[in-house]
Amino acid sequence: MLEQHFSTFRCYFYVHSEGQSFKFLLQIKQRIHRGLKSALVRVNKKIGSLRSQYVDDSAQVALRHKADLLLAHIHLIKPNQETVEVIDWETGKPCLIDVDPTKTPSEIINAMYTKAKKQKRAIDQLVPLIEQAEQDQNYLQDVAVLLEQLGGSYEDFEAIREIERELVNENFLKPLQDGLQEKKSKIKGQKSQKKQEGSSKGSSQSFRTYLSPGGFQVLVGRNSSQNDLLSTRIAQKNDLWMHARGVPGAHVLLRVPAGSTAAEEDIQFAADLAAFFSKARLERKTDVTYASPLYIEKPKGAKPGQVIVKKESVTVGIADRSAAAQLQDE
């Protein structure tokens, strides 16, 4: 309780030492919410537009196959024909192929190959664009959930400002013009320094911190940057990494010292926290992925907090039973 009051005092002193107020903190949070909403609308429209241009790969494969069949049976293409019947060597059955009666056999076949190549080229160009847009969508949804769960403590205030800087840096939010928001170039210039600082920058005081029944520390990320740090720099091979399965939420790390083993009650304790700090907080039960940090990988170019789990196990988390929920009820 004393620590909680001290944290509140620090927040009050910190905010007012800059001549700000908790009202300003609320304004920042609302501004980020609006920015996230607008960014999600833009990303969703982009995904819809890209998908509307996408031609299923099977279409160009089928078109190329028809061109191959016509090339093998070119002698069957007669002038003024609109369809040609050939035997499909893959099925052994007759196949009717529509052709342009105004073109020569060679022109017909070349036109089909050209169209198939264009479709393949379009697919090759669209797939990475769609994947990137979907990554942006997932990232923004994650940020929205994490932001919603931040309150008015000193650590939460810092996490909210960090979200703001991060969104500016990722071009999802325009920088403030009042001098309180760091310039994008400055943020980029600090990236290498932050990486070098490593785990010392992300002390347990920065994360939400809990103690499991077995006495193991459980760390929970407050935002995407903390999730990133928690999963890629803080986590050790003996720890257990957790995340609510299939929904946006915080990364959770059960710290297990070398030579120790986490009991089922420790794993359950951390899984309940992963469920609570996720979009599925109001669900009665939530599937939770847990894995060794050895199987957590950050793809090249991925947004903060985005990782791939190569090998996972699944348990069930109950948000209402979590230590965080119990603190709320007190």
C-alpha atoms as a PDB file:
ATOM      1  CA  MET A   1       0.000   0.000   0.000  1.00  0.00           C
ATOM      2  CA  LEU A   2       2.880   2.360   0.902  1.00  0.00           C
ATOM      3  CA  GLU A   3       4.504   1.629  -2.448  1.00  0.00           C
ATOM      4  CA  GLN A   4       1.222   2.398  -4.210  1.00  0.00           C
ATOM      5  CA  HIS A   5       0.937   5.788  -2.436  1.00  0.00           C
ATOM      6  CA  PHE A   6       4.575   6.543  -3.219  1.00  0.00           C
ATOM      7  CA  SER A   7       3.956   5.757  -6.899  1.00  0.00           C
ATOM      8  CA  THR A   8       0.959   8.113  -6.922  1.00  0.00           C
ATOM      9  CA  PHE A   9       3.030  10.849  -5.278  1.00  0.00           C
ATOM     10  CA  ARG A  10       5.795  10.419  -7.837  1.00  0.00           C
ATOM     11  CA  CYS A  11       3.237  10.708 -10.618  1.00  0.00           C
ATOM     12  CA  TYR A  12       1.801  13.893  -9.093  1.00  0.00           C
ATOM     13  CA  PHE A  13       5.239  15.411  -8.622  1.00  0.00           C
ATOM     14  CA  TYR A  14       6.409  14.353 -12.052  1.00  0.00           C
ATOM     15  CA  VAL A  15       3.410  15.731 -13.889  1.00  0.00           C
ATOM     16  CA  HIS A  16       3.254  18.997 -11.995  1.00  0.00           C
ATOM     17  CA  SER A  17       7.009  19.517 -12.144  1.00  0.00           C
ATOM     18  CA  GLU A  18       6.496  19.992 -15.901  1.00  0.00           C
ATOM     19  CA  GLY A  19       3.628  22.354 -15.281  1.00  0.00           C
ATOM     20  CA  GLN A  20       1.169  19.743 -16.457  1.00  0.00           C
ATOM     21  CA  SER A  21      -1.825  18.105 -14.824  1.00  0.00           C
ATOM     22  CA  PHE A  22      -3.658  14.829 -14.819  1.00  0.00           C
ATOM     23  CA  LYS A  23      -6.127  16.544 -17.132  1.00  0.00           C
ATOM     24  CA  PHE A  24      -3.290  16.893 -19.615  1.00  0.00           C
ATOM     25  CA  LEU A  25      -2.519  13.179 -19.201  1.00  0.00           C
ATOM     26  CA  LEU A  26      -6.131  12.416 -20.091  1.00  0.00           C
ATOM     27  CA  GLN A  27      -5.874  14.691 -23.117  1.00  0.00           C
ATOM     28  CA  ILE A  28      -2.795  12.796 -24.301  1.00  0.00           C
ATOM     29  CA  LYS A  29      -4.597   9.496 -23.932  1.00  0.00           C
ATOM     30  CA  GLN A  30      -7.645  10.775 -25.825  1.00  0.00           C
ATOM     31  CA  ARG A  31      -5.423  12.169 -28.562  1.00  0.00           C
ATOM     32  CA  ILE A  32      -3.713   8.806 -28.962  1.00  0.00           C
ATOM     33  CA  HIS A  33      -7.098   7.063 -29.042  1.00  0.00           C
ATOM     34  CA  ARG A  34      -8.245   9.338 -31.863  1.00  0.00           C
ATOM     35  CA  GLY A  35      -4.987   8.796 -33.718  1.00  0.00           C
ATOM     36  CA  LEU A  36      -5.273   5.022 -33.347  1.00  0.00           C
ATOM     37  CA  LYS A  37      -8.855   5.059 -34.567  1.00  0.00           C
ATOM     38  CA  SER A  38      -7.943   7.092 -37.648  1.00  0.00           C
ATOM     39  CA  ALA A  39      -4.893   4.933 -38.346  1.00  0.00           C
ATOM     40  CA  LEU A  40      -6.953   1.744 -38.108  1.00  0.00           C
ATOM     41  CA  VAL A  41      -9.520   3.156 -40.539  1.00  0.00           C
ATOM     42  CA  ARG A  42      -6.750   3.958 -43.015  1.00  0.00           C
ATOM     43  CA  VAL A  43      -5.108   0.554 -42.622  1.00  0.00           C
ATOM     44  CA  ASN A  44      -8.427  -1.298 -42.970  1.00  0.00           C
ATOM     45  CA  LYS A  45      -9.201   0.613 -46.166  1.00  0.00           C
ATOM     46  CA  LYS A  46      -5.743  -0.175 -47.486  1.00  0.00           C
ATOM     47  CA  ILE A  47      -6.195  -3.882 -46.777  1.00  0.00           C
ATOM     48  CA  GLY A  48      -9.587  -3.858 -48.496  1.00  0.00           C
ATOM     49  CA  SER A  49      -8.174  -2.096 -51.543  1.00  0.00           C
ATOM     50  CA  LEU A  50      -5.203  -4.450 -51.843  1.00  0.00           C
ATOM     51  CA  ARG A  51      -7.352  -7.540 -51.430  1.00  0.00           C
ATOM     52  CA  SER A  52      -9.742  -6.333 -54.140  1.00  0.00           C
ATOM     53  CA  GLN A  53      -6.774  -6.245 -56.542  1.00  0.00           C
ATOM     54  CA  TYR A  54      -5.588  -9.692 -55.531  1.00  0.00           C
ATOM     55  CA  VAL A  55      -6.067 -12.530 -58.006  1.00  0.00           C
ATOM     56  CA  ASP A  56      -6.002 -15.996 -56.502  1.00  0.00           C
ATOM     57  CA  ASP A  57      -2.820 -17.797 -57.492  1.00  0.00           C
ATOM     58  CA  SER A  58      -4.905 -20.713 -58.748  1.00  0.00           C
ATOM     59  CA  ALA A  59      -6.337 -18.448 -61.487  1.00  0.00           C
ATOM     60  CA  GLN A  60      -2.975 -17.738 -63.096  1.00  0.00           C
ATOM     61  CA  VAL A  61      -1.914 -21.376 -62.674  1.00  0.00           C
ATOM     62  CA  ALA A  62      -5.096 -22.500 -64.441  1.00  0.00           C
ATOM     63  CA  LEU A  63      -4.591 -19.947 -67.225  1.00  0.00           C
ATOM     64  CA  ARG A  64      -1.003 -21.048 -67.782  1.00  0.00           C
ATOM     65  CA  HIS A  65      -2.145 -24.685 -67.862  1.00  0.00           C
ATOM     66  CA  LYS A  66      -4.705 -23.873 -70.580  1.00  0.00           C
ATOM     67  CA  ALA A  67      -1.985 -22.129 -72.583  1.00  0.00           C
ATOM     68  CA  ASP A  68       0.196 -25.225 -72.228  1.00  0.00           C
ATOM     69  CA  LEU A  69      -2.681 -27.416 -73.449  1.00  0.00           C
ATOM     70  CA  LEU A  70      -3.294 -25.189 -76.465  1.00  0.00           C
ATOM     71  CA  LEU A  71       0.414 -25.124 -77.293  1.00  0.00           C
ATOM     72  CA  ALA A  72       0.480 -28.929 -77.261  1.00  0.00           C
ATOM     73  CA  HIS A  73      -2.662 -29.046 -79.443  1.00  0.00           C
ATOM     74  CA  ILE A  74      -2.012 -25.971 -81.588  1.00  0.00           C
ATOM     75  CA  HIS A  75      -2.981 -27.907 -84.694  1.00  0.00           C
ATOM     76  CA  LEU A  76      -6.570 -28.122 -83.369  1.00  0.00           C
ATOM     77  CA  ILE A  77      -7.048 -24.337 -83.366  1.00  0.00           C
ATOM     78  CA  LYS A  78      -8.952 -23.460 -86.532  1.00  0.00           C
ATOM     79  CA  PRO A  79      -9.807 -20.008 -87.937  1.00  0.00           C
ATOM     80  CA  ASN A  80     -12.926 -18.303 -86.511  1.00  0.00           C
ATOM     81  CA  GLN A  81     -13.209 -20.805 -83.656  1.00  0.00           C
ATOM     82  CA  GLU A  82     -14.449 -19.511 -80.282  1.00  0.00           C
ATOM     83  CA  THR A  83     -13.728 -22.738 -78.359  1.00  0.00           C
ATOM     84  CA  VAL A  84     -11.218 -25.538 -78.730  1.00  0.00           C
ATOM     85  CA  GLU A  85     -11.659 -29.001 -77.266  1.00  0.00           C
ATOM     86  CA  VAL A  86      -8.473 -30.710 -76.068  1.00  0.00           C
ATOM     87  CA  ILE A  87      -7.645 -33.618 -73.797  1.00  0.00           C
ATOM     88  CA  ASP A  88      -6.356 -32.452 -70.415  1.00  0.00           C
ATOM     89  CA  TRP A  89      -3.368 -34.668 -69.628  1.00  0.00           C
ATOM     90  CA  GLU A  90      -3.834 -34.079 -65.882  1.00  0.00           C
ATOM     91  CA  THR A  91      -7.393 -35.444 -65.783  1.00  0.00           C
ATOM     92  CA  GLY A  92      -7.512 -37.479 -68.983  1.00  0.00           C
ATOM     93  CA  LYS A  93     -10.838 -35.799 -69.813  1.00  0.00           C
ATOM     94  CA  PRO A  94     -11.907 -33.437 -72.633  1.00  0.00           C
ATOM     95  CA  CYS A  95     -11.487 -29.736 -71.834  1.00  0.00           C
ATOM     96  CA  LEU A  96     -13.145 -26.787 -73.634  1.00  0.00           C
ATOM     97  CA  ILE A  97     -11.001 -23.648 -73.861  1.00  0.00           C
ATOM     98  CA  ASP A  98     -12.353 -20.279 -75.023  1.00  0.00           C
ATOM     99  CA  VAL A  99     -10.219 -18.564 -77.682  1.00  0.00           C
ATOM    100  CA  ASP A 100     -10.323 -15.275 -79.585  1.00  0.00           C
ATOM    101  CA  PRO A 101     -11.483 -16.035 -83.148  1.00  0.00           C
ATOM    102  CA  THR A 102      -9.835 -12.858 -84.482  1.00  0.00           C
ATOM    103  CA  LYS A 103      -6.325 -13.975 -83.516  1.00  0.00           C
ATOM    104  CA  THR A 104      -3.918 -16.525 -84.886  1.00  0.00           C
ATOM    105  CA  PRO A 105      -3.094 -19.635 -82.805  1.00  0.00           C
ATOM    106  CA  SER A 106       0.283 -18.149 -81.810  1.00  0.00           C
ATOM    107  CA  GLU A 107      -1.315 -14.825 -80.781  1.00  0.00           C
ATOM    108  CA  ILE A 108      -3.936 -16.646 -78.714  1.00  0.00           C
ATOM    109  CA  ILE A 109      -1.350 -18.691 -76.824  1.00  0.00           C
ATOM    110  CA  ASN A 110       1.068 -15.771 -76.338  1.00  0.00           C
ATOM    111  CA  ALA A 111      -1.756 -13.584 -75.025  1.00  0.00           C
ATOM    112  CA  MET A 112      -2.669 -16.243 -72.446  1.00  0.00           C
ATOM    113  CA  TYR A 113       0.935 -16.603 -71.274  1.00  0.00           C
ATOM    114  CA  THR A 114       1.286 -12.806 -71.044  1.00  0.00           C
ATOM    115  CA  LYS A 115      -1.879 -12.489 -68.966  1.00  0.00           C
ATOM    116  CA  ALA A 116      -0.756 -15.299 -66.647  1.00  0.00           C
ATOM    117  CA  LYS A 117       2.617 -13.583 -66.149  1.00  0.00           C
ATOM    118  CA  LYS A 118       0.901 -10.289 -65.287  1.00  0.00           C
ATOM    119  CA  GLN A 119      -1.323 -12.029 -62.758  1.00  0.00           C
ATOM    120  CA  LYS A 120       1.693 -13.740 -61.183  1.00  0.00           C
ATOM    121  CA  ARG A 121       3.594 -10.445 -61.043  1.00  0.00           C
ATOM    122  CA  ALA A 122       0.621  -8.722 -59.406  1.00  0.00           C
ATOM    123  CA  ILE A 123       0.391 -11.488 -56.798  1.00  0.00           C
ATOM    124  CA  ASP A 124       4.110 -11.226 -56.054  1.00  0.00           C
ATOM    125  CA  GLN A 125       3.754  -7.482 -55.536  1.00  0.00           C
ATOM    126  CA  LEU A 126       0.505  -7.539 -53.567  1.00  0.00           C
ATOM    127  CA  VAL A 127       1.253 -10.340 -51.107  1.00  0.00           C
ATOM    128  CA  PRO A 128       3.999  -8.490 -49.169  1.00  0.00           C
ATOM    129  CA  LEU A 129       1.921  -5.292 -49.210  1.00  0.00           C
ATOM    130  CA  ILE A 130      -1.086  -7.127 -47.767  1.00  0.00           C
ATOM    131  CA  GLU A 131       1.097  -8.852 -45.164  1.00  0.00           C
ATOM    132  CA  GLN A 132       2.635  -5.508 -44.102  1.00  0.00           C
ATOM    133  CA  ALA A 133      -0.774  -3.857 -43.858  1.00  0.00           C
ATOM    134  CA  GLU A 134      -2.067  -6.751 -41.748  1.00  0.00           C
ATOM    135  CA  GLN A 135       0.974  -6.427 -39.471  1.00  0.00           C
ATOM    136  CA  ASP A 136       0.170  -2.727 -39.078  1.00  0.00           C
ATOM    137  CA  GLN A 137      -3.422  -3.638 -38.260  1.00  0.00           C
ATOM    138  CA  ASN A 138      -2.343  -6.136 -35.589  1.00  0.00           C
ATOM    139  CA  TYR A 139       0.127  -3.656 -34.138  1.00  0.00           C
ATOM    140  CA  LEU A 140      -2.467  -0.873 -33.854  1.00  0.00           C
ATOM    141  CA  GLN A 141      -4.981  -3.225 -32.263  1.00  0.00           C
ATOM    142  CA  ASP A 142      -2.336  -4.276 -29.726  1.00  0.00           C
ATOM    143  CA  VAL A 143      -1.508  -0.660 -28.906  1.00  0.00           C
ATOM    144  CA  ALA A 144      -5.188   0.213 -28.466  1.00  0.00           C
ATOM    145  CA  VAL A 145      -5.698  -2.577 -25.925  1.00  0.00           C
ATOM    146  CA  LEU A 146      -2.504  -1.759 -24.017  1.00  0.00           C
ATOM    147  CA  LEU A 147      -3.337   1.952 -23.924  1.00  0.00           C
ATOM    148  CA  GLU A 148      -6.821   1.264 -22.564  1.00  0.00           C
ATOM    149  CA  GLN A 149      -5.308  -0.583 -19.605  1.00  0.00           C
ATOM    150  CA  LEU A 150      -3.024   2.267 -18.541  1.00  0.00           C
ATOM    151  CA  GLY A 151      -4.086   4.497 -15.666  1.00  0.00           C
ATOM    152  CA  GLY A 152      -2.581   7.451 -13.821  1.00  0.00           C
ATOM    153  CA  SER A 153       0.440   6.041 -12.011  1.00  0.00           C
ATOM    154  CA  TYR A 154       3.911   7.399 -12.661  1.00  0.00           C
ATOM    155  CA  GLU A 155       4.849   4.255 -14.624  1.00  0.00           C
ATOM    156  CA  ASP A 156       1.629   4.405 -16.634  1.00  0.00           C
ATOM    157  CA  PHE A 157       2.216   8.064 -17.436  1.00  0.00           C
ATOM    158  CA  GLU A 158       5.662   7.195 -18.778  1.00  0.00           C
ATOM    159  CA  ALA A 159       4.208   4.272 -20.753  1.00  0.00           C
ATOM    160  CA  ILE A 160       1.549   6.513 -22.325  1.00  0.00           C
ATOM    161  CA  ARG A 161       4.134   9.066 -23.417  1.00  0.00           C
ATOM    162  CA  GLU A 162       6.246   6.231 -24.789  1.00  0.00           C
ATOM    163  CA  ILE A 163       3.258   5.005 -26.823  1.00  0.00           C
ATOM    164  CA  GLU A 164       2.827   8.517 -28.171  1.00  0.00           C
ATOM    165  CA  ARG A 165       6.473   8.757 -29.233  1.00  0.00           C
ATOM    166  CA  GLU A 166       6.353   5.274 -30.724  1.00  0.00           C
ATOM    167  CA  LEU A 167       3.273   6.022 -32.848  1.00  0.00           C
ATOM    168  CA  VAL A 168       4.894   9.226 -34.118  1.00  0.00           C
ATOM    169  CA  ASN A 169       8.025   7.299 -34.986  1.00  0.00           C
ATOM    170  CA  GLU A 170       5.978   4.665 -36.843  1.00  0.00           C
ATOM    171  CA  ASN A 171       4.121   7.422 -38.774  1.00  0.00           C
ATOM    172  CA  PHE A 172       0.726   6.609 -37.277  1.00  0.00           C
ATOM    173  CA  LEU A 173       0.468   9.846 -35.281  1.00  0.00           C
ATOM    174  CA  LYS A 174       1.499  13.412 -36.050  1.00  0.00           C
ATOM    175  CA  PRO A 175       3.948  14.988 -33.586  1.00  0.00           C
ATOM    176  CA  LEU A 176       2.663  17.675 -31.260  1.00  0.00           C
ATOM    177  CA  GLN A 177       3.628  21.225 -32.075  1.00  0.00           C
ATOM    178  CA  ASP A 178       3.970  22.359 -28.458  1.00  0.00           C
ATOM    179  CA  GLY A 179       7.533  21.188 -27.936  1.00  0.00           C
ATOM    180  CA  LEU A 180       6.535  18.342 -25.614  1.00  0.00           C
ATOM    181  CA  GLN A 181       6.830  15.671 -28.290  1.00  0.00           C
ATOM    182  CA  GLU A 182      10.305  14.611 -29.391  1.00  0.00           C
ATOM    183  CA  LYS A 183      11.035  14.967 -33.052  1.00  0.00           C
ATOM    184  CA  LYS A 184      10.945  11.824 -35.136  1.00  0.00           C
ATOM    185  CA  SER A 185      14.585  12.230 -36.136  1.00  0.00           C
ATOM    186  CA  LYS A 186      15.619  12.520 -32.500  1.00  0.00           C
ATOM    187  CA  ILE A 187      13.713   9.360 -31.599  1.00  0.00           C
ATOM    188  CA  LYS A 188      15.387   7.480 -34.423  1.00  0.00           C
ATOM    189  CA  GLY A 189      18.760   8.753 -33.283  1.00  0.00           C
ATOM    190  CA  GLN A 190      18.133   7.369 -29.813  1.00  0.00           C
ATOM    191  CA  LYS A 191      17.186   3.892 -31.029  1.00  0.00           C
ATOM    192  CA  SER A 192      20.722   2.551 -31.143  1.00  0.00           C
ATOM    193  CA  GLN A 193      21.448   3.969 -27.694  1.00  0.00           C
ATOM    194  CA  LYS A 194      18.338   2.305 -26.251  1.00  0.00           C
ATOM    195  CA  LYS A 195      19.366  -1.030 -27.725  1.00  0.00           C
ATOM    196  CA  GLN A 196      22.811  -0.732 -26.176  1.00  0.00           C
ATOM    197  CA  GLU A 197      21.353   0.021 -22.788  1.00  0.00           C
ATOM    198  CA  GLY A 198      19.690  -3.399 -22.902  1.00  0.00           C
ATOM    199  CA  SER A 199      18.035  -4.851 -19.861  1.00  0.00           C
ATOM    200  CA  SER A 200      19.293  -2.106 -17.537  1.00  0.00           C
ATOM    201  CA  LYS A 201      16.860   0.293 -19.252  1.00  0.00           C
ATOM    202  CA  GLY A 202      13.964  -2.095 -18.704  1.00  0.00           C
ATOM    203  CA  SER A 203      14.258  -2.714 -14.996  1.00  0.00           C
ATOM    204  CA  SER A 204      11.480  -4.541 -13.227  1.00  0.00           C
ATOM    205  CA  GLN A 205      10.229  -1.153 -11.980  1.00  0.00           C
ATOM    206  CA  SER A 206       9.222  -0.254 -15.570  1.00  0.00           C
ATOM    207  CA  PHE A 207       7.024  -3.306 -15.961  1.00  0.00           C
ATOM    208  CA  ARG A 208       4.023  -4.359 -13.948  1.00  0.00           C
ATOM    209  CA  THR A 209       5.549  -6.701 -11.380  1.00  0.00           C
ATOM    210  CA  TYR A 210       3.934  -9.548  -9.421  1.00  0.00           C
ATOM    211  CA  LEU A 211       5.119 -12.414  -7.248  1.00  0.00           C
ATOM    212  CA  SER A 212       3.863 -15.937  -7.996  1.00  0.00           C
ATOM    213  CA  PRO A 213       2.865 -18.409  -5.242  1.00  0.00           C
ATOM    214  CA  GLY A 214       6.268 -20.065  -5.586  1.00  0.00           C
ATOM    215  CA  GLY A 215       8.081 -16.761  -5.152  1.00  0.00           C
ATOM    216  CA  PHE A 216       8.914 -16.209  -8.827  1.00  0.00           C
ATOM    217  CA  GLN A 217       8.794 -12.730 -10.307  1.00  0.00           C
ATOM    218  CA  VAL A 218       6.225 -12.129 -13.060  1.00  0.00           C
ATOM    219  CA  LEU A 219       6.745  -9.156 -15.380  1.00  0.00           C
ATOM    220  CA  VAL A 220       4.011  -7.689 -17.584  1.00  0.00           C
ATOM    221  CA  GLY A 221       4.618  -5.174 -20.390  1.00  0.00           C
ATOM    222  CA  ARG A 222       2.715  -1.891 -20.270  1.00  0.00           C
ATOM    223  CA  ASN A 223       3.108  -1.039 -23.960  1.00  0.00           C
ATOM    224  CA  SER A 224       4.548  -2.412 -27.197  1.00  0.00           C
ATOM    225  CA  SER A 225       8.061  -1.152 -26.500  1.00  0.00           C
ATOM    226  CA  GLN A 226       8.078  -2.826 -23.096  1.00  0.00           C
ATOM    227  CA  ASN A 227       6.675  -6.006 -24.660  1.00  0.00           C
ATOM    228  CA  ASP A 228       9.556  -5.921 -27.114  1.00  0.00           C
ATOM    229  CA  LEU A 229      12.137  -5.408 -24.396  1.00  0.00           C
ATOM    230  CA  LEU A 230      10.586  -8.057 -22.188  1.00  0.00           C
ATOM    231  CA  SER A 231      10.501 -10.715 -24.895  1.00  0.00           C
ATOM    232  CA  THR A 232      13.727 -10.081 -26.789  1.00  0.00           C
ATOM    233  CA  ARG A 233      16.158  -8.725 -24.176  1.00  0.00           C
ATOM    234  CA  ILE A 234      14.985  -9.430 -20.645  1.00  0.00           C
ATOM    235  CA  ALA A 235      13.792 -13.011 -21.159  1.00  0.00           C
ATOM    236  CA  GLN A 236      16.267 -15.781 -20.319  1.00  0.00           C
ATOM    237  CA  LYS A 237      16.198 -19.394 -21.456  1.00  0.00           C
ATOM    238  CA  ASN A 238      14.844 -20.667 -18.123  1.00  0.00           C
ATOM    239  CA  ASP A 239      11.920 -18.227 -18.114  1.00  0.00           C
ATOM    240  CA  LEU A 240       8.420 -18.795 -19.478  1.00  0.00           C
ATOM    241  CA  TRP A 241       6.937 -16.335 -21.981  1.00  0.00           C
ATOM    242  CA  MET A 242       3.147 -15.925 -22.151  1.00  0.00           C
ATOM    243  CA  HIS A 243       0.500 -14.131 -24.204  1.00  0.00           C
ATOM    244  CA  ALA A 244      -3.266 -14.448 -24.544  1.00  0.00           C
ATOM    245  CA  ARG A 245      -3.723 -16.596 -27.629  1.00  0.00           C
ATOM    246  CA  GLY A 246      -5.119 -14.973 -30.760  1.00  0.00           C
ATOM    247  CA  VAL A 247      -5.995 -11.598 -29.205  1.00  0.00           C
ATOM    248  CA  PRO A 248      -4.102  -8.340 -28.562  1.00  0.00           C
ATOM    249  CA  GLY A 249      -2.524  -8.052 -25.147  1.00  0.00           C
ATOM    250  CA  ALA A 250       0.556  -7.722 -22.994  1.00  0.00           C
ATOM    251  CA  HIS A 251       3.600  -9.971 -23.039  1.00  0.00           C
ATOM    252  CA  VAL A 252       4.053 -11.734 -19.706  1.00  0.00           C
ATOM    253  CA  LEU A 253       7.299 -13.227 -18.437  1.00  0.00           C
ATOM    254  CA  LEU A 254       7.551 -15.722 -15.586  1.00  0.00           C
ATOM    255  CA  ARG A 255      11.133 -15.408 -14.331  1.00  0.00           C
ATOM    256  CA  VAL A 256      12.534 -18.822 -13.437  1.00  0.00           C
ATOM    257  CA  PRO A 257      16.088 -18.787 -12.038  1.00  0.00           C
ATOM    258  CA  ALA A 258      18.561 -21.386 -13.283  1.00  0.00           C
ATOM    259  CA  GLY A 259      18.165 -24.644 -11.373  1.00  0.00           C
ATOM    260  CA  SER A 260      14.554 -23.878 -10.427  1.00  0.00           C
ATOM    261  CA  THR A 261      11.330 -25.213 -11.920  1.00  0.00           C
ATOM    262  CA  ALA A 262       8.037 -23.384 -12.074  1.00  0.00           C
ATOM    263  CA  ALA A 263       5.172 -25.305 -10.503  1.00  0.00           C
ATOM    264  CA  GLU A 264       1.728 -25.530 -12.102  1.00  0.00           C
ATOM    265  CA  GLU A 265       0.397 -22.907  -9.710  1.00  0.00           C
ATOM    266  CA  ASP A 266       3.128 -20.475 -10.825  1.00  0.00           C
ATOM    267  CA  ILE A 267       2.313 -21.057 -14.486  1.00  0.00           C
ATOM    268  CA  GLN A 268      -1.389 -20.625 -13.762  1.00  0.00           C
ATOM    269  CA  PHE A 269      -0.682 -17.406 -11.862  1.00  0.00           C
ATOM    270  CA  ALA A 270       1.148 -15.923 -14.869  1.00  0.00           C
ATOM    271  CA  ALA A 271      -1.450 -17.239 -17.338  1.00  0.00           C
ATOM    272  CA  ASP A 272      -4.233 -15.505 -15.396  1.00  0.00           C
ATOM    273  CA  LEU A 273      -2.295 -12.237 -15.667  1.00  0.00           C
ATOM    274  CA  ALA A 274      -1.838 -12.745 -19.419  1.00  0.00           C
ATOM    275  CA  ALA A 275      -5.601 -13.199 -19.720  1.00  0.00           C
ATOM    276  CA  PHE A 276      -6.312 -10.111 -17.615  1.00  0.00           C
ATOM    277  CA  PHE A 277      -3.971  -7.848 -19.578  1.00  0.00           C
ATOM    278  CA  SER A 278      -5.504  -8.726 -22.940  1.00  0.00           C
ATOM    279  CA  LYS A 279      -8.519  -7.882 -25.038  1.00  0.00           C
ATOM    280  CA  ALA A 280     -10.150 -11.025 -23.623  1.00  0.00           C
ATOM    281  CA  ARG A 281     -10.160  -9.586 -20.095  1.00  0.00           C
ATOM    282  CA  LEU A 282     -13.956  -9.842 -19.830  1.00  0.00           C
ATOM    283  CA  GLU A 283     -14.073 -13.443 -21.062  1.00  0.00           C
ATOM    284  CA  ARG A 284     -14.608 -16.156 -18.458  1.00  0.00           C
ATOM    285  CA  LYS A 285     -11.701 -18.207 -19.775  1.00  0.00           C
ATOM    286  CA  THR A 286      -8.921 -17.394 -22.223  1.00  0.00           C
ATOM    287  CA  ASP A 287      -6.462 -19.625 -24.051  1.00  0.00           C
ATOM    288  CA  VAL A 288      -2.923 -18.534 -23.191  1.00  0.00           C
ATOM    289  CA  THR A 289       0.194 -19.418 -25.161  1.00  0.00           C
ATOM    290  CA  TYR A 290       3.332 -20.121 -23.170  1.00  0.00           C
ATOM    291  CA  ALA A 291       6.787 -20.948 -24.467  1.00  0.00           C
ATOM    292  CA  SER A 292      10.469 -20.859 -23.720  1.00  0.00           C
ATOM    293  CA  PRO A 293      12.074 -17.563 -24.802  1.00  0.00           C
ATOM    294  CA  LEU A 294      14.328 -19.740 -26.965  1.00  0.00           C
ATOM    295  CA  TYR A 295      11.329 -20.167 -29.288  1.00  0.00           C
ATOM    296  CA  ILE A 296      10.425 -16.471 -29.436  1.00  0.00           C
ATOM    297  CA  GLU A 297      11.677 -14.675 -32.524  1.00  0.00           C
ATOM    298  CA  LYS A 298      11.238 -11.120 -33.754  1.00  0.00           C
ATOM    299  CA  PRO A 299      10.887 -10.959 -37.556  1.00  0.00           C
ATOM    300  CA  LYS A 300      13.047  -8.472 -39.412  1.00  0.00           C
ATOM    301  CA  GLY A 301      11.219  -5.178 -39.839  1.00  0.00           C
ATOM    302  CA  ALA A 302       8.437  -6.124 -37.409  1.00  0.00           C
ATOM    303  CA  LYS A 303       6.743  -3.429 -35.346  1.00  0.00           C
ATOM    304  CA  PRO A 304       7.457  -3.112 -31.592  1.00  0.00           C
ATOM    305  CA  GLY A 305       5.958  -6.013 -29.646  1.00  0.00           C
ATOM    306  CA  GLN A 306       5.477  -8.251 -32.688  1.00  0.00           C
ATOM    307  CA  VAL A 307       7.095 -11.666 -32.355  1.00  0.00           C
ATOM    308  CA  ILE A 308       6.765 -15.189 -33.742  1.00  0.00           C
ATOM    309  CA  VAL A 309       6.370 -18.205 -31.469  1.00  0.00           C
ATOM    310  CA  LYS A 310       8.076 -21.205 -33.075  1.00  0.00           C
ATOM    311  CA  LYS A 311       7.015 -23.785 -30.497  1.00  0.00           C
ATOM    312  CA  GLU A 312       4.197 -23.252 -28.030  1.00  0.00           C
ATOM    313  CA  SER A 313       2.080 -24.884 -25.389  1.00  0.00           C
ATOM    314  CA  VAL A 314      -1.403 -23.722 -24.447  1.00  0.00           C
ATOM    315  CA  THR A 315      -3.081 -23.368 -21.085  1.00  0.00           C
ATOM    316  CA  VAL A 316      -6.205 -21.585 -19.879  1.00  0.00           C
ATOM    317  CA  GLY A 317      -6.081 -18.243 -18.089  1.00  0.00           C
ATOM    318  CA  ILE A 318      -8.870 -16.820 -15.940  1.00  0.00           C
ATOM    319  CA  ALA A 319      -8.694 -13.029 -15.825  1.00  0.00           C
ATOM    320  CA  ASP A 320     -11.048 -12.604 -12.861  1.00  0.00           C
ATOM    321  CA  ARG A 321      -8.815 -14.834 -10.763  1.00  0.00           C
ATOM    322  CA  SER A 322      -5.613 -12.928 -11.534  1.00  0.00           C
ATOM    323  CA  ALA A 323      -3.629 -10.970  -8.982  1.00  0.00           C
ATOM    324  CA  ALA A 324      -4.340  -7.798 -10.970  1.00  0.00           C
ATOM    325  CA  ALA A 325      -8.110  -8.352 -10.752  1.00  0.00           C
ATOM    326  CA  GLN A 326      -7.880  -8.939  -7.020  1.00  0.00           C
ATOM    327  CA  LEU A 327      -5.994  -5.660  -6.553  1.00  0.00           C
ATOM    328  CA  GLN A 328      -8.736  -3.856  -8.454  1.00  0.00           C
ATOM    329  CA  ASP A 329     -11.350  -5.279  -6.104  1.00  0.00           C
ATOM    330  CA  GLU A 330      -9.561  -4.083  -2.971  1.00  0.00           C
END
